[in-house]
Amino acid sequence: MIVKINKLDSFGNGIAYINNKIVFVKRALPGETVEIEIYKEKKNISFAKIIKVIEPSSDRRRSICPYYSRCGGCDFLHTTDEVEKEFKINKAKYLFNRCDNYYETENLNYRNKVVLHSKNGHYGFYQEETNDLVEIDYCYIADDKINEIIKSLRKDNIWGEFDVTIRSFDGDILLSIDGDINNITFYDTEKIVKTIIVNNKVILGNGYLYFYINDYKIRLGSKAFFQVNLEGLNNIYKIISNFLKDKKIKKALDLYSGVSLWSILINKFVDNIDSIEINEEACLNGKNNLIENDIHNVNIINGKVEDHINKFSNIDLVITDPPRSGMDKKTIDYLSKINSKYIIYISCNMDTLKRDLERLHNYELKELDLVNMFKRTYHCEVVTLLERK
């Protein structure tokens, strides 16, 4: 079946029409004529993959990754940086009618964390929308140290079915394995790994890594959330610090705070901060981070944001960095009651951000910046600066 691609959808897939029915074509570009195979049918839409590109776009490029056609990790290795940038800016303008600034990051080898799946000595990522393992020996968006570990794991001949979390900071590696593992003897891996955790038991090192950002020493364990792109993280900090530098903030809330990184980075702009995080390990890391950096104006609360949000009043600033699903309705409703003067909302999902900002109807969007934390994928970090109307 041959179709003409009209435009891109919100996930970077091409859109074509067959008898007025929408067909989403993976990794197709606007203007292309392609031969497709439909692999999923629904009542009003179909999903297809390319069998052959008949008339390619001038923006099409050959992917450097041999696993790209099967692995579900990347979305834009078949085209240019400019197409990816335009796609993300256009999506922001469509949803929010604005994009004030766009911050680029390194094109490849930027990720400081990956999660590999292992089945009896074979390591890789799952094929998109399946649990079929795509075995790899190199990931082009993971940093060089992580790729060293991938090669070492394949040599170590470790058997079982498990997940491997690899974190890399300042040349140090944290390796965390969860699942059914029969052989936990590591050979090549131990030479370059700082700490190893197997099913929550530390078998090498102390179970966490340290790294520095803006002269602050940060401790991070295996389970705590943390941004995967340090260059992007620094760009976000520049946006936030520039916004806060002339504000007089007495009380602030840091929601979904992880290891309390934002509380630490903005503490010099704020008199007192309450930091709320559900992950216990992240809270322990956060408390250690306060001690390491001699910070005394941050209070860390371990629990769900929605269970604690109604305990606060007279807040001047809220900084929120929720998961991809966004904030729950109870939290948003109470934020409207708190009526903080400023809200900084950091999001990795434009669609849930759009939903949440519409619910915060008593706030005006003053600035929206894109930070391309997730190069070569359809994801993008959004930083929104809100002020009470």
Protein backbone atom coordinates (compact mmCIF):
# COMPACT_ATOMS: atom_id res chain seq x y z
CA MET A 1 0.00 0.00 0.00
CA ILE A 2 1.45 3.38 -1.04
CA VAL A 3 0.59 6.62 0.78
CA LYS A 4 1.66 10.27 0.87
CA ILE A 5 2.69 11.71 4.26
CA ASN A 6 0.98 15.00 5.11
CA LYS A 7 2.44 16.02 8.47
CA LEU A 8 3.71 14.75 11.84
CA ASP A 9 1.55 13.79 14.80
CA SER A 10 2.36 14.75 18.41
CA PHE A 11 4.67 11.72 18.76
CA GLY A 12 6.71 12.43 15.64
CA ASN A 13 4.98 9.83 13.45
CA GLY A 14 3.88 10.62 9.90
CA ILE A 15 0.18 11.10 9.15
CA ALA A 16 -1.38 9.77 5.95
CA TYR A 17 -4.98 9.14 4.86
CA ILE A 18 -6.56 6.04 3.28
CA ASN A 19 -10.21 6.53 2.28
CA ASN A 20 -10.41 9.45 4.74
CA LYS A 21 -9.10 7.23 7.56
CA ILE A 22 -6.03 8.47 9.45
CA VAL A 23 -2.96 6.25 9.27
CA PHE A 24 -0.03 6.90 11.63
CA VAL A 25 3.22 5.83 9.96
CA LYS A 26 6.27 5.34 12.17
CA ARG A 27 9.35 7.35 11.21
CA ALA A 28 7.83 8.87 8.11
CA LEU A 29 8.42 12.52 7.18
CA PRO A 30 6.09 15.12 5.66
CA GLY A 31 6.08 15.11 1.86
CA GLU A 32 7.32 11.55 1.53
CA THR A 33 5.71 8.84 -0.55
CA VAL A 34 6.11 5.50 1.20
CA GLU A 35 5.01 1.92 0.90
CA ILE A 36 3.52 0.81 4.22
CA GLU A 37 2.27 -2.22 6.09
CA ILE A 38 -0.55 -1.74 8.57
CA TYR A 39 0.11 -3.62 11.82
CA LYS A 40 -2.79 -2.37 13.96
CA GLU A 41 -6.35 -1.40 13.02
CA LYS A 42 -8.89 0.52 15.07
CA LYS A 43 -12.29 1.86 14.13
CA ASN A 44 -11.18 5.31 13.03
CA ILE A 45 -7.37 5.04 12.82
CA SER A 46 -4.64 2.66 11.69
CA PHE A 47 -0.98 2.23 12.59
CA ALA A 48 1.63 1.33 10.00
CA LYS A 49 5.36 0.87 9.44
CA ILE A 50 7.39 1.72 6.36
CA ILE A 51 8.26 -1.09 3.98
CA LYS A 52 9.98 1.16 1.43
CA VAL A 53 10.58 4.88 1.02
CA ILE A 54 9.63 5.63 -2.59
CA GLU A 55 10.09 9.42 -2.60
CA PRO A 56 12.20 10.49 0.40
CA SER A 57 12.13 13.89 2.04
CA SER A 58 15.23 16.04 1.67
CA ASP A 59 15.32 15.93 5.48
CA ARG A 60 15.65 12.13 5.64
CA ARG A 61 18.95 10.78 6.94
CA ARG A 62 20.30 7.28 7.33
CA SER A 63 20.22 6.27 10.99
CA ILE A 64 23.60 5.63 12.61
CA CYS A 65 21.98 3.06 14.93
CA PRO A 66 21.60 -0.51 13.61
CA TYR A 67 18.78 -1.18 16.12
CA TYR A 68 16.72 1.89 15.27
CA SER A 69 14.05 0.13 13.23
CA ARG A 70 13.25 -2.23 16.14
CA CYS A 71 14.23 -0.46 19.39
CA GLY A 72 11.63 1.89 20.86
CA GLY A 73 14.09 4.29 22.50
CA CYS A 74 14.57 6.98 19.82
CA ASP A 75 12.27 8.74 17.36
CA PHE A 76 14.37 11.17 15.28
CA LEU A 77 17.52 9.34 14.21
CA HIS A 78 16.14 9.24 10.64
CA THR A 79 16.15 13.01 10.22
CA THR A 80 17.90 16.27 11.07
CA ASP A 81 18.23 18.24 14.31
CA GLU A 82 16.30 21.05 12.66
CA VAL A 83 13.27 18.83 11.99
CA GLU A 84 13.28 17.66 15.61
CA LYS A 85 13.58 21.25 16.88
CA GLU A 86 10.79 22.49 14.62
CA PHE A 87 8.55 19.60 15.68
CA LYS A 88 8.97 20.39 19.39
CA ILE A 89 8.56 24.15 19.02
CA ASN A 90 5.48 23.71 16.83
CA LYS A 91 3.94 21.35 19.38
CA ALA A 92 4.46 23.93 22.15
CA LYS A 93 2.97 26.68 20.02
CA TYR A 94 -0.01 24.50 19.13
CA LEU A 95 -0.73 23.63 22.78
CA PHE A 96 0.26 26.87 24.52
CA ASN A 97 0.39 29.49 21.74
CA ARG A 98 3.97 30.31 22.65
CA CYS A 99 7.57 29.19 22.99
CA ASP A 100 9.76 31.90 24.47
CA ASN A 101 13.10 30.11 24.39
CA TYR A 102 14.52 26.82 23.12
CA TYR A 103 17.62 25.33 24.72
CA GLU A 104 19.55 22.69 22.80
CA THR A 105 21.70 19.94 24.33
CA GLU A 106 24.21 17.39 23.07
CA ASN A 107 22.94 15.35 20.16
CA LEU A 108 24.22 11.93 21.31
CA ASN A 109 25.74 10.16 24.35
CA TYR A 110 23.94 12.43 26.81
CA ARG A 111 21.94 10.02 28.98
CA ASN A 112 23.35 9.36 32.45
CA LYS A 113 20.88 6.53 33.10
CA VAL A 114 19.51 3.55 31.17
CA VAL A 115 17.54 0.46 32.19
CA LEU A 116 18.52 -2.71 30.32
CA HIS A 117 16.47 -5.89 30.27
CA SER A 118 18.32 -9.21 30.44
CA LYS A 119 17.26 -12.70 29.46
CA ASN A 120 19.89 -15.42 30.00
CA GLY A 121 22.95 -13.47 28.98
CA HIS A 122 21.25 -11.28 26.36
CA TYR A 123 20.94 -7.55 27.09
CA GLY A 124 18.88 -4.89 25.41
CA PHE A 125 15.75 -2.75 25.28
CA TYR A 126 12.20 -3.83 24.55
CA GLN A 127 10.83 -3.37 21.08
CA GLU A 128 8.20 -0.65 21.09
CA GLU A 129 4.80 -1.81 22.37
CA THR A 130 6.12 -5.35 23.05
CA ASN A 131 8.24 -7.32 25.51
CA ASP A 132 10.41 -8.61 22.68
CA LEU A 133 14.07 -8.03 23.54
CA VAL A 134 16.19 -6.06 21.06
CA GLU A 135 19.73 -7.11 21.95
CA ILE A 136 22.26 -4.28 21.76
CA ASP A 137 25.95 -3.73 22.36
CA TYR A 138 25.87 0.09 22.12
CA CYS A 139 23.31 2.83 22.77
CA TYR A 140 23.97 6.05 20.87
CA ILE A 141 22.16 8.30 23.35
CA ALA A 142 23.79 6.77 26.48
CA ASP A 143 27.08 8.18 27.71
CA ASP A 144 30.38 6.46 26.98
CA LYS A 145 30.79 4.93 30.45
CA ILE A 146 27.37 3.30 30.23
CA ASN A 147 28.31 1.79 26.90
CA GLU A 148 31.47 0.37 28.48
CA ILE A 149 29.26 -1.35 31.06
CA ILE A 150 26.95 -2.76 28.38
CA LYS A 151 29.93 -4.41 26.71
CA SER A 152 31.28 -5.67 30.06
CA LEU A 153 27.95 -7.21 31.08
CA ARG A 154 27.85 -9.19 27.86
CA LYS A 155 31.32 -10.59 28.67
CA ASP A 156 30.45 -11.39 32.30
CA ASN A 157 28.00 -14.12 31.23
CA ILE A 158 25.46 -13.42 33.99
CA TRP A 159 22.34 -15.57 33.71
CA GLY A 160 18.71 -15.04 34.66
CA GLU A 161 15.87 -12.67 33.81
CA PHE A 162 16.32 -9.25 35.39
CA ASP A 163 16.52 -5.51 34.83
CA VAL A 164 19.81 -3.60 35.05
CA THR A 165 19.79 0.09 35.97
CA ILE A 166 23.04 1.82 35.04
CA ARG A 167 23.79 5.34 36.30
CA SER A 168 26.86 7.34 35.34
CA PHE A 169 28.16 10.54 36.95
CA ASP A 170 31.59 12.16 36.80
CA GLY A 171 33.14 8.92 35.53
CA ASP A 172 31.61 6.79 38.31
CA ILE A 173 29.08 4.02 37.66
CA LEU A 174 26.22 2.70 39.80
CA LEU A 175 24.87 -0.70 38.78
CA SER A 176 21.55 -1.95 40.21
CA ILE A 177 20.06 -5.35 39.31
CA ASP A 178 16.50 -6.42 40.10
CA GLY A 179 15.01 -9.82 39.27
CA ASP A 180 15.86 -13.48 39.00
CA ILE A 181 19.62 -13.63 38.74
CA ASN A 182 21.53 -16.89 39.12
CA ASN A 183 25.13 -15.77 38.77
CA ILE A 184 26.19 -12.59 40.58
CA THR A 185 29.91 -12.90 39.94
CA PHE A 186 31.04 -9.79 38.09
CA TYR A 187 34.42 -9.70 36.38
CA ASP A 188 35.10 -6.94 33.82
CA THR A 189 32.28 -4.85 35.32
CA GLU A 190 33.87 -4.45 38.77
CA LYS A 191 36.89 -2.72 37.29
CA ILE A 192 34.88 0.37 36.28
CA VAL A 193 31.88 0.31 38.65
CA LYS A 194 31.78 2.29 41.89
CA THR A 195 28.87 0.46 43.49
CA ILE A 196 26.72 -2.61 42.72
CA ILE A 197 23.28 -3.43 44.17
CA VAL A 198 21.54 -6.77 43.59
CA ASN A 199 17.87 -7.01 44.64
CA ASN A 200 18.31 -4.08 47.05
CA LYS A 201 21.44 -5.61 48.66
CA VAL A 202 24.69 -3.68 48.26
CA ILE A 203 27.44 -6.06 47.18
CA LEU A 204 30.05 -3.47 46.16
CA GLY A 205 30.63 0.08 47.34
CA ASN A 206 28.14 2.06 49.40
CA GLY A 207 25.02 1.95 47.19
CA TYR A 208 25.09 5.51 45.85
CA LEU A 209 27.08 8.01 43.79
CA TYR A 210 28.19 11.58 44.44
CA PHE A 211 28.51 14.30 41.84
CA TYR A 212 28.74 18.10 41.79
CA ILE A 213 26.42 20.68 40.27
CA ASN A 214 26.85 24.43 40.77
CA ASP A 215 29.34 23.71 43.58
CA TYR A 216 26.77 21.59 45.45
CA LYS A 217 27.64 17.98 46.30
CA ILE A 218 24.71 15.68 45.48
CA ARG A 219 24.22 12.07 46.57
CA LEU A 220 22.06 9.80 44.40
CA GLY A 221 20.99 6.19 44.92
CA SER A 222 19.62 3.63 42.49
CA LYS A 223 15.86 4.17 42.92
CA ALA A 224 15.57 7.96 43.16
CA PHE A 225 14.39 10.01 40.20
CA PHE A 226 16.95 12.29 38.59
CA GLN A 227 17.22 14.13 35.29
CA VAL A 228 18.99 12.06 32.63
CA ASN A 229 20.74 14.99 30.95
CA LEU A 230 23.05 17.20 33.04
CA GLU A 231 23.47 19.83 30.33
CA GLY A 232 19.71 20.19 30.17
CA LEU A 233 19.53 20.35 33.96
CA ASN A 234 21.97 23.26 34.00
CA ASN A 235 19.85 25.07 31.42
CA ILE A 236 16.76 24.67 33.62
CA TYR A 237 18.67 26.02 36.60
CA LYS A 238 19.67 29.11 34.59
CA ILE A 239 16.03 29.75 33.70
CA ILE A 240 14.86 29.37 37.30
CA SER A 241 17.68 31.37 38.90
CA ASN A 242 17.18 34.21 36.43
CA PHE A 243 13.47 34.27 37.32
CA LEU A 244 14.05 34.23 41.10
CA LYS A 245 17.06 36.54 41.39
CA ASP A 246 15.00 39.69 42.01
CA LYS A 247 12.11 38.05 43.88
CA LYS A 248 11.78 38.16 47.65
CA ILE A 249 10.59 34.66 48.54
CA LYS A 250 9.96 33.78 52.18
CA LYS A 251 8.21 30.40 51.97
CA ALA A 252 8.40 27.88 49.16
CA LEU A 253 7.11 24.39 48.39
CA ASP A 254 9.12 21.89 46.35
CA LEU A 255 6.74 19.18 45.10
CA TYR A 256 7.77 15.75 43.78
CA SER A 257 11.22 16.81 44.88
CA GLY A 258 13.32 13.66 44.40
CA VAL A 259 16.66 14.11 46.18
CA SER A 260 15.62 17.74 46.91
CA LEU A 261 17.83 19.03 44.12
CA TRP A 262 15.69 22.07 43.32
CA SER A 263 15.40 22.96 47.01
CA ILE A 264 19.19 22.89 47.23
CA LEU A 265 19.75 24.88 44.05
CA ILE A 266 17.23 27.63 44.94
CA ASN A 267 17.86 27.77 48.70
CA LYS A 268 19.83 31.03 48.40
CA PHE A 269 16.75 32.73 46.89
CA VAL A 270 14.29 31.51 49.57
CA ASP A 271 14.05 31.86 53.36
CA ASN A 272 12.37 28.47 54.00
CA ILE A 273 11.48 25.51 51.77
CA ASP A 274 9.33 22.43 52.41
CA SER A 275 10.29 19.57 50.10
CA ILE A 276 7.80 16.70 49.54
CA GLU A 277 8.79 13.36 47.96
CA ILE A 278 7.18 9.90 48.08
CA ASN A 279 10.35 7.87 47.46
CA GLU A 280 12.01 6.99 50.79
CA GLU A 281 15.47 6.46 49.32
CA ALA A 282 15.29 9.84 47.57
CA CYS A 283 14.36 11.51 50.88
CA LEU A 284 17.31 9.86 52.65
CA ASN A 285 19.60 11.05 49.85
CA GLY A 286 18.05 14.50 50.13
CA LYS A 287 18.65 14.73 53.88
CA ASN A 288 22.25 13.70 53.34
CA ASN A 289 22.55 16.36 50.64
CA LEU A 290 21.41 19.04 53.06
CA ILE A 291 24.08 17.97 55.55
CA GLU A 292 26.81 17.73 52.90
CA ASN A 293 26.07 21.25 51.69
CA ASP A 294 25.44 22.81 55.11
CA ILE A 295 21.89 23.86 54.17
CA HIS A 296 19.50 24.58 57.05
CA ASN A 297 16.45 26.20 55.45
CA VAL A 298 14.97 23.07 53.81
CA ASN A 299 12.57 20.63 55.48
CA ILE A 300 12.10 17.24 53.75
CA ILE A 301 8.78 15.38 54.03
CA ASN A 302 8.51 11.74 52.94
CA GLY A 303 5.03 11.07 51.56
CA LYS A 304 2.55 11.69 48.75
CA VAL A 305 2.17 15.30 47.69
CA GLU A 306 -1.63 15.01 47.78
CA ASP A 307 -1.50 13.80 51.40
CA HIS A 308 0.49 16.82 52.62
CA ILE A 309 -0.38 19.72 50.32
CA ASN A 310 -3.34 20.88 52.43
CA LYS A 311 -1.07 21.51 55.44
CA PHE A 312 0.45 24.62 53.91
CA SER A 313 -0.59 28.25 53.60
CA ASN A 314 0.98 31.65 52.97
CA ILE A 315 3.30 30.22 50.34
CA ASP A 316 5.17 32.62 48.03
CA LEU A 317 6.59 30.10 45.55
CA VAL A 318 5.73 26.57 44.42
CA ILE A 319 8.16 24.61 42.29
CA THR A 320 6.72 21.38 40.95
CA ASP A 321 8.39 18.69 38.85
CA PRO A 322 5.81 15.86 38.70
CA PRO A 323 6.02 12.53 36.84
CA ARG A 324 4.90 12.26 33.22
CA SER A 325 1.27 11.81 34.34
CA GLY A 326 1.27 15.32 35.83
CA MET A 327 -0.29 16.51 39.09
CA ASP A 328 -3.42 14.95 40.60
CA LYS A 329 -6.59 17.03 40.83
CA LYS A 330 -6.49 17.34 44.64
CA THR A 331 -3.04 18.91 44.50
CA ILE A 332 -4.04 21.33 41.74
CA ASP A 333 -7.24 22.34 43.54
CA TYR A 334 -5.33 23.07 46.72
CA LEU A 335 -2.63 25.00 44.88
CA SER A 336 -5.41 27.30 43.72
CA LYS A 337 -6.44 27.76 47.36
CA ILE A 338 -2.87 28.37 48.55
CA ASN A 339 -2.73 31.09 45.90
CA SER A 340 1.05 31.31 45.87
CA LYS A 341 2.38 34.35 44.05
CA TYR A 342 4.56 32.26 41.75
CA ILE A 343 4.55 28.70 40.41
CA ILE A 344 7.41 27.12 38.48
CA TYR A 345 6.07 24.03 36.73
CA ILE A 346 8.64 21.73 35.12
CA SER A 347 7.21 19.00 32.91
CA CYS A 348 8.39 16.27 30.54
CA ASN A 349 4.90 15.87 29.05
CA MET A 350 3.34 18.79 27.17
CA ASP A 351 -0.09 17.17 27.08
CA THR A 352 -0.50 16.70 30.85
CA LEU A 353 1.10 20.11 31.40
CA LYS A 354 -1.55 21.67 29.15
CA ARG A 355 -4.29 19.96 31.19
CA ASP A 356 -2.83 21.11 34.52
CA LEU A 357 -2.25 24.71 33.45
CA GLU A 358 -5.88 24.97 32.35
CA ARG A 359 -6.93 23.90 35.86
CA LEU A 360 -4.69 26.57 37.41
CA HIS A 361 -7.02 29.21 36.05
CA ASN A 362 -6.00 31.91 38.55
CA TYR A 363 -2.44 31.98 37.15
CA GLU A 364 -1.00 33.72 34.12
CA LEU A 365 1.66 32.02 32.04
CA LYS A 366 4.55 34.50 31.97
CA GLU A 367 7.17 32.39 30.22
CA LEU A 368 7.42 28.99 28.55
CA ASP A 369 10.83 27.57 27.67
CA LEU A 370 11.75 24.28 26.02
CA VAL A 371 14.86 22.43 27.13
CA ASN A 372 15.63 19.56 24.78
CA MET A 373 16.67 17.12 27.53
CA PHE A 374 15.73 14.09 25.45
CA LYS A 375 17.48 14.54 22.11
CA ARG A 376 16.47 12.23 19.26
CA THR A 377 13.17 11.38 20.98
CA TYR A 378 9.77 13.09 20.79
CA HIS A 379 9.98 14.05 24.48
CA CYS A 380 10.98 17.53 25.60
CA GLU A 381 11.32 19.22 28.99
CA VAL A 382 9.14 22.31 29.45
CA VAL A 383 9.74 25.01 32.05
CA THR A 384 6.77 27.28 32.73
CA LEU A 385 6.86 30.37 34.91
CA LEU A 386 3.45 31.30 36.33
CA GLU A 387 2.34 34.38 38.23
CA ARG A 388 -0.86 34.85 40.19
CA LYS A 389 -3.37 37.02 38.34
